[in-house]
Amino acid sequence: MLRKCFLCEKGLQTGKVVSRKGLYKKKGGTGSKICRSSKRQFLPNLQKMRILVGGHPTKAYICTRCIKKGNFLKA
């Protein structure tokens, strides 16, 4: 599956998952420490739709933000 919006070209973003260790200060500990982090990906919410592109109907992946805006023509 393509991971990019056809209209706004919104794609995947990268980030990190942070693992914490130790008891929180609120619970009587010395505070939580970051012990390790691993990379992850944030995927956009893409939906497959039939839209008009240049007067011809085509199937394309569109993000939900563009669907809410409605800046395309349905086939």
N, C-alpha and C. Protein backbone atom coordinates (compact mmCIF):
# COMPACT_ATOMS: atom_id res chain seq x y z
N MET A 1 0.83 -1.18 0.00
CA MET A 1 0.00 0.00 0.00
C MET A 1 0.88 1.24 0.00
N LEU A 2 0.47 2.24 -0.78
CA LEU A 2 1.19 3.50 -0.77
C LEU A 2 0.93 4.22 0.54
N ARG A 3 1.93 4.78 1.13
CA ARG A 3 1.78 5.45 2.43
C ARG A 3 1.87 6.96 2.27
N LYS A 4 1.21 7.47 1.21
CA LYS A 4 1.23 8.89 0.96
C LYS A 4 -0.13 9.30 0.42
N CYS A 5 -0.63 10.44 0.91
CA CYS A 5 -1.91 10.97 0.44
C CYS A 5 -1.75 11.48 -0.98
N PHE A 6 -2.75 11.22 -1.82
CA PHE A 6 -2.69 11.63 -3.22
C PHE A 6 -2.79 13.15 -3.35
N LEU A 7 -3.56 13.79 -2.48
CA LEU A 7 -3.81 15.22 -2.59
C LEU A 7 -2.76 16.06 -1.87
N CYS A 8 -2.54 15.82 -0.59
CA CYS A 8 -1.62 16.68 0.18
C CYS A 8 -0.24 16.05 0.37
N GLU A 9 -0.04 14.83 -0.11
CA GLU A 9 1.22 14.10 -0.01
C GLU A 9 1.70 13.91 1.42
N LYS A 10 0.73 13.74 2.33
CA LYS A 10 1.08 13.45 3.73
C LYS A 10 1.57 12.01 3.80
N GLY A 11 2.74 11.82 4.41
CA GLY A 11 3.34 10.50 4.48
C GLY A 11 3.61 10.08 5.91
N LEU A 12 4.41 9.03 6.05
CA LEU A 12 4.70 8.54 7.39
C LEU A 12 5.71 9.43 8.09
N GLN A 13 5.59 9.49 9.41
CA GLN A 13 6.51 10.26 10.23
C GLN A 13 7.22 9.30 11.18
N THR A 14 8.43 9.64 11.54
CA THR A 14 9.20 8.78 12.43
C THR A 14 9.24 9.38 13.83
N GLY A 15 9.39 8.51 14.81
CA GLY A 15 9.47 8.95 16.19
C GLY A 15 10.15 7.87 17.01
N LYS A 16 9.98 7.95 18.33
CA LYS A 16 10.62 6.99 19.22
C LYS A 16 9.63 6.47 20.25
N VAL A 17 9.84 5.24 20.69
CA VAL A 17 9.15 4.67 21.82
C VAL A 17 10.13 4.71 22.98
N VAL A 18 9.76 5.35 24.07
CA VAL A 18 10.67 5.53 25.19
C VAL A 18 10.28 4.58 26.32
N SER A 19 11.24 3.77 26.78
CA SER A 19 11.03 2.87 27.91
C SER A 19 11.56 3.55 29.17
N ARG A 20 10.73 3.58 30.20
CA ARG A 20 11.12 4.23 31.45
C ARG A 20 11.28 3.20 32.56
N LYS A 21 12.16 3.51 33.52
CA LYS A 21 12.50 2.58 34.59
C LYS A 21 12.49 3.34 35.91
N GLY A 22 12.09 2.71 36.98
CA GLY A 22 12.11 3.33 38.29
C GLY A 22 10.73 3.75 38.76
N LEU A 23 10.62 3.98 40.06
CA LEU A 23 9.34 4.37 40.67
C LEU A 23 9.21 5.89 40.61
N TYR A 24 8.01 6.35 40.29
CA TYR A 24 7.77 7.79 40.18
C TYR A 24 7.89 8.47 41.55
N LYS A 25 8.27 9.74 41.52
CA LYS A 25 8.42 10.50 42.77
C LYS A 25 7.11 10.61 43.51
N LYS A 26 6.02 10.68 42.77
CA LYS A 26 4.69 10.79 43.37
C LYS A 26 4.36 9.57 44.22
N LYS A 27 4.94 8.42 43.84
CA LYS A 27 4.69 7.17 44.56
C LYS A 27 5.78 6.86 45.58
N GLY A 28 6.70 7.79 45.81
CA GLY A 28 7.72 7.59 46.84
C GLY A 28 9.07 7.15 46.32
N GLY A 29 9.28 7.14 45.02
CA GLY A 29 10.56 6.72 44.46
C GLY A 29 11.47 7.90 44.19
N THR A 30 12.57 7.63 43.49
CA THR A 30 13.53 8.68 43.17
C THR A 30 13.27 9.29 41.80
N GLY A 31 12.26 8.84 41.11
CA GLY A 31 11.92 9.40 39.80
C GLY A 31 12.18 8.40 38.69
N SER A 32 11.45 8.54 37.61
CA SER A 32 11.61 7.61 36.49
C SER A 32 12.74 8.09 35.59
N LYS A 33 13.50 7.11 35.08
CA LYS A 33 14.62 7.41 34.18
C LYS A 33 14.35 6.75 32.84
N ILE A 34 14.84 7.38 31.78
CA ILE A 34 14.73 6.79 30.45
C ILE A 34 15.87 5.79 30.31
N CYS A 35 15.53 4.53 30.06
CA CYS A 35 16.58 3.51 29.97
C CYS A 35 16.90 3.16 28.51
N ARG A 36 15.92 3.15 27.62
CA ARG A 36 16.20 2.88 26.22
C ARG A 36 15.08 3.44 25.36
N SER A 37 15.36 3.61 24.09
CA SER A 37 14.35 4.09 23.15
C SER A 37 14.56 3.37 21.83
N SER A 38 13.47 3.04 21.17
CA SER A 38 13.54 2.40 19.87
C SER A 38 12.72 3.21 18.87
N LYS A 39 13.08 3.11 17.62
CA LYS A 39 12.43 3.89 16.58
C LYS A 39 11.09 3.25 16.20
N ARG A 40 10.14 4.10 15.79
CA ARG A 40 8.85 3.62 15.31
C ARG A 40 8.34 4.56 14.24
N GLN A 41 7.23 4.17 13.59
CA GLN A 41 6.67 4.97 12.52
C GLN A 41 5.22 5.32 12.85
N PHE A 42 4.83 6.55 12.53
CA PHE A 42 3.46 6.99 12.66
C PHE A 42 2.86 7.02 11.25
N LEU A 43 1.90 6.13 10.98
CA LEU A 43 1.31 6.03 9.65
C LEU A 43 0.08 6.93 9.55
N PRO A 44 -0.13 7.58 8.41
CA PRO A 44 -1.33 8.41 8.23
C PRO A 44 -2.56 7.53 8.03
N ASN A 45 -3.73 8.08 8.35
CA ASN A 45 -4.99 7.36 8.19
C ASN A 45 -5.46 7.55 6.75
N LEU A 46 -5.12 6.58 5.89
CA LEU A 46 -5.43 6.68 4.47
C LEU A 46 -6.62 5.79 4.13
N GLN A 47 -7.49 6.30 3.25
CA GLN A 47 -8.66 5.56 2.78
C GLN A 47 -8.60 5.52 1.25
N LYS A 48 -9.00 4.36 0.70
CA LYS A 48 -9.00 4.21 -0.75
C LYS A 48 -10.33 4.72 -1.29
N MET A 49 -10.28 5.67 -2.23
CA MET A 49 -11.49 6.27 -2.79
C MET A 49 -11.37 6.40 -4.30
N ARG A 50 -12.54 6.45 -4.96
CA ARG A 50 -12.59 6.73 -6.39
C ARG A 50 -12.82 8.23 -6.57
N ILE A 51 -11.86 8.90 -7.19
CA ILE A 51 -11.98 10.35 -7.40
C ILE A 51 -11.75 10.66 -8.87
N LEU A 52 -12.14 11.87 -9.27
CA LEU A 52 -11.91 12.33 -10.63
C LEU A 52 -10.58 13.07 -10.70
N VAL A 53 -9.71 12.58 -11.59
CA VAL A 53 -8.42 13.22 -11.82
C VAL A 53 -8.32 13.50 -13.32
N GLY A 54 -8.37 14.77 -13.67
CA GLY A 54 -8.32 15.15 -15.08
C GLY A 54 -9.53 14.67 -15.87
N GLY A 55 -10.68 14.56 -15.20
CA GLY A 55 -11.91 14.13 -15.87
C GLY A 55 -12.10 12.63 -15.94
N HIS A 56 -11.14 11.86 -15.41
CA HIS A 56 -11.23 10.40 -15.44
C HIS A 56 -11.27 9.85 -14.02
N PRO A 57 -12.13 8.86 -13.75
CA PRO A 57 -12.17 8.28 -12.41
C PRO A 57 -10.95 7.38 -12.15
N THR A 58 -10.29 7.58 -11.03
CA THR A 58 -9.16 6.75 -10.62
C THR A 58 -9.28 6.43 -9.14
N LYS A 59 -8.70 5.31 -8.74
CA LYS A 59 -8.66 4.95 -7.32
C LYS A 59 -7.40 5.53 -6.72
N ALA A 60 -7.55 6.19 -5.58
CA ALA A 60 -6.40 6.82 -4.94
C ALA A 60 -6.56 6.75 -3.43
N TYR A 61 -5.43 6.80 -2.74
CA TYR A 61 -5.44 6.84 -1.28
C TYR A 61 -5.46 8.30 -0.84
N ILE A 62 -6.45 8.63 0.01
CA ILE A 62 -6.62 9.99 0.51
C ILE A 62 -6.68 9.95 2.02
N CYS A 63 -6.01 10.91 2.69
CA CYS A 63 -6.04 10.97 4.15
C CYS A 63 -7.39 11.51 4.61
N THR A 64 -7.75 11.20 5.83
CA THR A 64 -9.06 11.58 6.35
C THR A 64 -9.20 13.09 6.51
N ARG A 65 -8.11 13.80 6.69
CA ARG A 65 -8.17 15.25 6.80
C ARG A 65 -8.62 15.87 5.47
N CYS A 66 -8.12 15.34 4.36
CA CYS A 66 -8.53 15.82 3.04
C CYS A 66 -9.97 15.41 2.73
N ILE A 67 -10.41 14.25 3.23
CA ILE A 67 -11.79 13.83 3.03
C ILE A 67 -12.74 14.77 3.76
N LYS A 68 -12.37 15.17 4.98
CA LYS A 68 -13.20 16.11 5.75
C LYS A 68 -13.26 17.47 5.07
N LYS A 69 -12.14 17.92 4.48
CA LYS A 69 -12.11 19.20 3.77
C LYS A 69 -12.99 19.15 2.52
N GLY A 70 -12.98 18.00 1.84
CA GLY A 70 -13.77 17.83 0.63
C GLY A 70 -13.21 18.57 -0.57
N ASN A 71 -11.89 18.64 -0.69
CA ASN A 71 -11.28 19.35 -1.81
C ASN A 71 -10.97 18.41 -2.98
N PHE A 72 -11.94 17.53 -3.36
CA PHE A 72 -11.82 16.64 -4.49
C PHE A 72 -13.24 16.33 -4.98
N LEU A 73 -13.32 15.75 -6.17
CA LEU A 73 -14.61 15.36 -6.73
C LEU A 73 -14.72 13.84 -6.72
N LYS A 74 -15.83 13.33 -6.20
CA LYS A 74 -16.06 11.89 -6.20
C LYS A 74 -16.43 11.42 -7.59
N ALA A 75 -16.00 10.21 -7.94
CA ALA A 75 -16.33 9.66 -9.25
C ALA A 75 -17.72 9.03 -9.23
